[in-house]
């Protein structure tokens, strides 16, 4: 189920995702999930005491946008052609084609849509089940920065190292448990654009204005690009070049066959020419006149070596 289209404005230059936005806010110390891009708040709309940190989103034309709970989806950027720094294309859909990622905010027929996620994260949205689209990653080893919120305030910044052993009291008994994985959710930036939004370039430029425009256009046009047959493969030669080599090799092959046939016919004529009989008195009994023998080898087939 899609949400009403809320255009947050253009995103055509690279936004730097602040380092503070990568801190994971857990609902509890031992909880197996948490969110990036949050701030502790006395938000009465959710029991976790968190609020989306507006500084973790690129500038918006409507600065009053907010959500009731963590990462409930703000809207989309259009025209949007640049994923934030530290983010990469995680999912894609086009309005004119079936399939693709089921974005929370609908896609028009003439639009291409990209979901930007932190490097190493994946897009997540199951319409009818998930309240909003997000990016996620499951951490199982290593450490990351984390905090918990209480009464609108942070209980302190620390690092959580996985796997983590902790104790808990269950029915008046103290038990030891291990937290082996934490699912981390992060903002998914939905970028909508049309073909006319992509700047025309005659020479390569830096990777990100690059980040999305070049990458996404390459992905969406891969089926039609290089229609002239000159697309390059890992071997380094184009299909056209290989076809040229094959044609040249065929000409050489025909020429070799023609030369071999010419020599064969010429030698046969030589064999058919009567040899002068030597004087009979010079021949020993049982010995015949020597004849010149030719070794008619089969012509070798030239197999062109293609890279």
Protein backbone atom coordinates (compact mmCIF):
# COMPACT_ATOMS: atom_id res chain seq x y z
CA UNK A 1 0.00 0.00 0.00
CA UNK A 2 1.50 3.31 -1.07
CA UNK A 3 1.40 6.54 0.92
CA UNK A 4 0.27 9.90 -0.45
CA UNK A 5 3.00 11.46 -2.57
CA UNK A 6 4.94 13.96 -0.48
CA UNK A 7 7.66 15.72 -2.47
CA UNK A 8 10.36 16.94 -0.08
CA UNK A 9 12.04 18.96 -2.83
CA UNK A 10 15.06 18.51 -5.10
CA UNK A 11 18.21 16.59 -4.18
CA UNK A 12 20.72 17.25 -6.94
CA UNK A 13 23.91 17.68 -4.90
CA UNK A 14 25.59 15.30 -2.50
CA UNK A 15 24.31 15.48 1.07
CA UNK A 16 26.77 14.49 3.81
CA UNK A 17 25.15 12.12 6.26
CA UNK A 18 26.45 13.31 9.68
CA UNK A 19 28.54 10.83 11.67
CA UNK A 20 26.29 11.37 14.68
CA UNK A 21 23.40 9.97 12.66
CA UNK A 22 25.07 6.54 12.55
CA UNK A 23 24.72 6.09 16.33
CA UNK A 24 22.20 3.31 16.96
CA UNK A 25 19.38 4.09 19.39
CA UNK A 26 18.17 0.87 21.00
CA UNK A 27 14.80 0.50 22.65
CA UNK A 28 16.58 -1.29 25.50
CA UNK A 29 20.10 -2.33 26.40
CA UNK A 30 19.60 -5.93 25.32
CA UNK A 31 17.18 -5.35 22.45
CA UNK A 32 18.04 -7.00 19.17
CA UNK A 33 17.15 -3.95 17.07
CA UNK A 34 17.78 -0.23 16.89
CA UNK A 35 17.54 2.82 14.64
CA UNK A 36 19.95 5.30 13.14
CA UNK A 37 19.12 8.98 12.61
CA UNK A 38 17.24 9.35 15.92
CA UNK A 39 17.27 11.69 18.88
CA UNK A 40 15.89 11.06 22.35
CA UNK A 41 12.59 12.85 22.82
CA UNK A 42 9.57 13.00 25.05
CA UNK A 43 7.56 12.08 21.97
CA UNK A 44 4.24 10.84 23.32
CA UNK A 45 3.44 9.20 19.99
CA UNK A 46 5.78 6.26 20.61
CA UNK A 47 6.86 4.37 23.69
CA UNK A 48 10.52 4.17 22.67
CA UNK A 49 11.05 7.86 23.42
CA UNK A 50 12.72 8.55 20.07
CA UNK A 51 12.20 11.08 17.30
CA UNK A 52 13.63 11.30 13.78
CA UNK A 53 16.57 13.70 13.81
CA UNK A 54 15.83 16.26 11.08
CA UNK A 55 19.56 16.97 10.69
CA UNK A 56 19.97 13.46 9.28
CA UNK A 57 17.81 14.30 6.25
CA UNK A 58 18.79 16.52 3.32
CA UNK A 59 17.20 19.97 3.20
CA UNK A 60 13.48 20.00 2.48
CA UNK A 61 11.13 22.56 1.02
CA UNK A 62 8.73 21.75 3.86
CA UNK A 63 10.70 21.93 7.11
CA UNK A 64 7.73 20.93 9.26
CA UNK A 65 7.66 17.32 8.07
CA UNK A 66 7.96 14.81 10.90
CA UNK A 67 6.85 11.27 11.69
CA UNK A 68 5.15 9.79 14.71
CA UNK A 69 7.71 7.04 15.24
CA UNK A 70 11.21 6.12 14.10
CA UNK A 71 11.69 6.02 10.34
CA UNK A 72 8.05 6.11 9.31
CA UNK A 73 8.85 7.72 5.97
CA UNK A 74 8.99 11.43 5.22
CA UNK A 75 8.41 11.45 1.50
CA UNK A 76 10.58 11.48 -1.61
CA UNK A 77 13.01 13.90 -3.23
CA UNK A 78 12.27 15.01 -6.78
CA UNK A 79 14.15 15.63 -8.87
CA UNK A 80 16.56 13.45 -6.92
CA UNK A 81 19.76 12.41 -8.67
CA UNK A 82 22.39 12.14 -5.94
CA UNK A 83 22.57 9.68 -3.05
CA UNK A 84 24.07 11.09 0.17
CA UNK A 85 27.75 10.51 0.94
CA UNK A 86 28.19 7.06 2.46
CA UNK A 87 25.01 5.89 0.76
CA UNK A 88 24.57 3.85 -2.42
CA UNK A 89 21.74 2.68 -4.66
CA UNK A 90 19.95 -0.14 -2.83
CA UNK A 91 16.78 -0.62 -4.90
CA UNK A 92 15.24 0.65 -8.14
CA UNK A 93 11.84 0.80 -9.85
CA UNK A 94 10.48 2.40 -13.01
CA UNK A 95 6.89 3.45 -13.49
CA UNK A 96 6.67 1.99 -16.99
CA UNK A 97 7.86 -1.50 -16.03
CA UNK A 98 6.47 -4.24 -13.83
CA UNK A 99 8.45 -5.47 -10.88
CA UNK A 100 11.09 -3.51 -9.09
CA UNK A 101 11.07 -2.43 -5.47
CA UNK A 102 7.59 -1.56 -4.08
CA UNK A 103 8.36 1.94 -2.87
CA UNK A 104 6.23 3.50 -0.13
CA UNK A 105 5.59 6.61 -2.23
CA UNK A 106 4.13 5.79 -5.63
CA UNK A 107 6.01 5.97 -8.91
CA UNK A 108 4.59 7.77 -11.96
CA UNK A 109 4.82 6.17 -15.40
CA UNK A 110 7.50 8.56 -16.61
CA UNK A 111 9.63 8.29 -13.45
CA UNK A 112 12.57 6.19 -12.36
CA UNK A 113 12.94 5.77 -8.61
CA UNK A 114 16.00 4.87 -6.60
CA UNK A 115 16.24 3.93 -2.93
CA UNK A 116 19.49 5.09 -1.32
CA UNK A 117 20.79 3.06 1.63
CA UNK A 118 23.99 3.19 3.70
CA UNK A 119 26.73 1.07 2.18
CA UNK A 120 26.18 -2.54 3.26
CA UNK A 121 22.46 -2.04 3.99
CA UNK A 122 19.47 -3.36 2.03
CA UNK A 123 16.08 -1.87 1.19
CA UNK A 124 13.10 -3.17 3.15
CA UNK A 125 9.39 -2.61 2.62
CA UNK A 126 6.61 -5.16 2.66
CA UNK A 127 3.37 -3.28 1.86
CA UNK A 128 0.57 -4.22 4.20
CA UNK A 129 2.99 -5.41 6.86
CA UNK A 130 5.75 -2.83 7.30
CA UNK A 131 4.55 0.64 8.35
CA UNK A 132 7.21 2.32 6.20
CA UNK A 133 10.19 1.68 3.94
CA UNK A 134 13.63 1.54 5.57
CA UNK A 135 17.15 0.28 5.06
CA UNK A 136 18.45 -2.47 7.32
CA UNK A 137 21.56 -4.46 8.18
CA UNK A 138 22.08 -7.29 10.65
CA UNK A 139 25.20 -6.88 12.80
CA UNK A 140 26.63 -10.10 14.25
CA UNK A 141 30.25 -9.27 15.00
CA UNK A 142 32.29 -6.19 15.86
CA UNK A 143 31.15 -3.11 17.74
CA UNK A 144 29.12 0.01 17.03
CA UNK A 145 28.05 3.15 18.86
CA UNK A 146 24.75 2.95 20.69
CA UNK A 147 22.54 4.75 23.22
CA UNK A 148 19.20 4.13 24.91
CA UNK A 149 16.58 6.75 25.65
CA UNK A 150 14.69 7.30 28.88
CA UNK A 151 12.26 10.12 29.65
CA UNK A 152 13.46 12.02 26.61
CA UNK A 153 17.13 11.82 27.52
CA UNK A 154 20.05 9.60 26.58
CA UNK A 155 21.45 7.23 29.17
CA UNK A 156 24.93 7.74 27.81
CA UNK A 157 26.98 6.94 24.75
CA UNK A 158 28.71 3.54 24.61
CA UNK A 159 29.89 0.85 22.23
CA UNK A 160 28.07 -2.44 21.92
CA UNK A 161 30.27 -5.38 20.97
CA UNK A 162 28.74 -8.52 19.53
CA UNK A 163 28.23 -11.18 20.62
CA UNK A 164 27.38 -9.72 24.05
CA UNK A 165 26.79 -11.72 27.22
CA UNK A 166 24.47 -10.25 29.84
CA UNK A 167 22.48 -11.34 32.87
CA UNK A 168 18.77 -10.99 33.43
CA UNK A 169 16.36 -11.92 36.15
CA UNK A 170 13.57 -14.28 35.20
CA UNK A 171 11.09 -15.44 37.84
CA UNK A 172 13.46 -14.47 40.65
CA UNK A 173 16.27 -16.40 39.02
CA UNK A 174 19.34 -14.84 37.48
CA UNK A 175 20.13 -16.20 34.04
CA UNK A 176 22.92 -15.55 31.60
CA UNK A 177 22.01 -14.82 28.00
CA UNK A 178 23.87 -13.83 24.85
CA UNK A 179 22.88 -11.16 22.36
CA UNK A 180 24.23 -12.46 19.06
CA UNK A 181 22.71 -10.10 16.50
CA UNK A 182 21.23 -6.63 16.25
CA UNK A 183 19.12 -5.48 13.30
CA UNK A 184 19.94 -1.86 12.53
CA UNK A 185 17.46 0.29 10.64
CA UNK A 186 18.42 3.48 8.78
CA UNK A 187 16.60 6.07 6.63
CA UNK A 188 15.85 5.07 3.07
CA UNK A 189 16.04 8.15 0.84
CA UNK A 190 13.64 7.77 -2.07
CA UNK A 191 14.77 9.72 -5.14
CA UNK A 192 12.36 10.20 -8.05
CA UNK A 193 13.58 11.54 -11.38
CA UNK A 194 12.83 11.73 -15.09
CA UNK A 195 15.27 11.30 -17.96
CA UNK A 196 15.27 15.06 -18.49
CA UNK A 197 16.55 15.58 -14.93
CA UNK A 198 19.89 13.89 -15.67
CA UNK A 199 22.52 16.46 -16.71
CA UNK A 200 24.14 15.82 -20.07
CA UNK A 201 27.89 15.24 -19.94
CA UNK A 202 30.40 14.99 -22.73
CA UNK A 203 33.29 13.98 -20.47
CA UNK A 204 33.49 11.84 -17.32
CA UNK A 205 33.06 13.66 -14.03
CA UNK A 206 33.42 12.85 -10.38
CA UNK A 207 31.69 9.82 -8.97
CA UNK A 208 28.67 11.31 -7.39
CA UNK A 209 26.89 13.74 -8.77
CA UNK A 210 27.97 10.53 -10.18
CA UNK A 211 26.80 8.46 -7.41
CA UNK A 212 23.31 8.10 -8.66
CA UNK A 213 22.88 9.70 -12.04
CA UNK A 214 25.60 7.78 -13.85
CA UNK A 215 24.99 4.57 -11.96
CA UNK A 216 21.22 4.60 -12.29
CA UNK A 217 21.18 5.60 -15.93
CA UNK A 218 23.63 2.80 -16.64
CA UNK A 219 21.40 0.30 -14.85
CA UNK A 220 18.17 1.44 -16.49
CA UNK A 221 19.57 1.67 -20.02
CA UNK A 222 21.74 -1.44 -20.04
CA UNK A 223 19.28 -3.23 -22.31
CA UNK A 224 19.47 -0.54 -25.00
CA UNK A 225 22.95 0.93 -24.70
CA UNK A 226 25.61 0.14 -27.30
CA UNK A 227 22.97 -0.97 -29.82
CA UNK A 228 25.55 -0.59 -32.59
CA UNK A 229 27.21 -3.83 -31.49
CA UNK A 230 30.30 -2.10 -30.16
CA UNK A 231 29.77 -2.93 -26.51
CA UNK A 232 32.98 -4.02 -24.84
CA UNK A 233 33.54 -7.30 -23.06
CA UNK A 234 36.12 -8.40 -20.53
CA UNK A 235 38.34 -9.57 -23.37
CA UNK A 236 38.93 -5.99 -24.41
CA UNK A 237 37.72 -6.28 -28.03
CA UNK A 238 34.29 -5.23 -29.20
CA UNK A 239 31.91 -7.59 -30.94
CA UNK A 240 32.42 -5.61 -34.13
CA UNK A 241 36.19 -5.95 -33.90
CA UNK A 242 35.92 -9.70 -33.36
CA UNK A 243 33.61 -9.99 -36.38
CA UNK A 244 36.23 -8.16 -38.46
CA UNK A 245 38.94 -10.55 -37.34
CA UNK A 246 36.71 -13.50 -38.20
CA UNK A 247 36.02 -12.14 -41.70
CA UNK A 248 39.72 -11.53 -42.35
CA UNK A 249 40.56 -15.02 -41.15
CA UNK A 250 38.00 -16.44 -43.58
CA UNK A 251 39.62 -14.63 -46.52
CA UNK A 252 43.05 -15.97 -45.55
CA UNK A 253 41.62 -19.49 -45.30
CA UNK A 254 40.11 -19.33 -48.82
CA UNK A 255 43.39 -18.01 -50.24
CA UNK A 256 45.37 -20.87 -48.70
CA UNK A 257 42.93 -23.46 -50.10
CA UNK A 258 43.17 -21.92 -53.59
CA UNK A 259 46.98 -21.97 -53.49
CA UNK A 260 47.02 -25.59 -52.35
CA UNK A 261 44.68 -26.67 -55.18
CA UNK A 262 46.82 -24.80 -57.73
CA UNK A 263 50.01 -26.56 -56.60
CA UNK A 264 48.27 -29.94 -56.53
CA UNK A 265 47.04 -29.65 -60.12
CA UNK A 266 50.42 -28.44 -61.31
CA UNK A 267 52.21 -31.38 -59.72
CA UNK A 268 49.72 -33.84 -61.17
CA UNK A 269 50.43 -32.47 -64.65
CA UNK A 270 54.12 -32.99 -64.00
CA UNK A 271 53.54 -36.63 -63.01
CA UNK A 272 51.49 -37.29 -66.15
CA UNK A 273 54.32 -36.08 -68.44
CA UNK A 274 56.04 -39.23 -69.89
CA UNK A 275 59.54 -39.61 -68.59
CA UNK A 276 62.21 -40.48 -71.16
CA UNK A 277 63.05 -44.16 -71.03
CA UNK A 278 66.67 -44.74 -70.19
CA UNK A 279 68.63 -47.10 -72.37
CA UNK A 280 67.59 -50.63 -71.60
CA UNK A 281 71.14 -51.76 -71.32
CA UNK A 282 71.62 -49.34 -68.40
CA UNK A 283 68.77 -50.89 -66.36
CA UNK A 284 69.44 -53.69 -63.96
CA UNK A 285 66.97 -56.58 -63.96
CA UNK A 286 63.93 -55.97 -61.75
CA UNK A 287 64.64 -52.22 -61.33
CA UNK A 288 62.21 -49.65 -62.72
CA UNK A 289 62.91 -46.05 -63.62
CA UNK A 290 62.77 -43.75 -60.62
CA UNK A 291 59.83 -41.29 -60.53
CA UNK A 292 59.67 -38.02 -58.58
CA UNK A 293 57.28 -38.46 -55.67
CA UNK A 294 55.27 -35.64 -54.13
CA UNK A 295 53.90 -35.61 -50.62
CA UNK A 296 50.49 -33.98 -51.08
CA UNK A 297 49.74 -32.88 -47.51
CA UNK A 298 46.22 -31.86 -46.61
CA UNK A 299 45.78 -28.08 -46.48
CA UNK A 300 45.82 -26.80 -42.90
CA UNK A 301 42.71 -24.99 -41.74
CA UNK A 302 43.52 -21.58 -40.28
CA UNK A 303 41.66 -21.08 -37.04
CA UNK A 304 41.66 -17.43 -36.18
CA UNK A 305 42.73 -16.81 -32.59
CA UNK A 306 40.23 -14.47 -30.95
CA UNK A 307 41.04 -12.94 -27.69
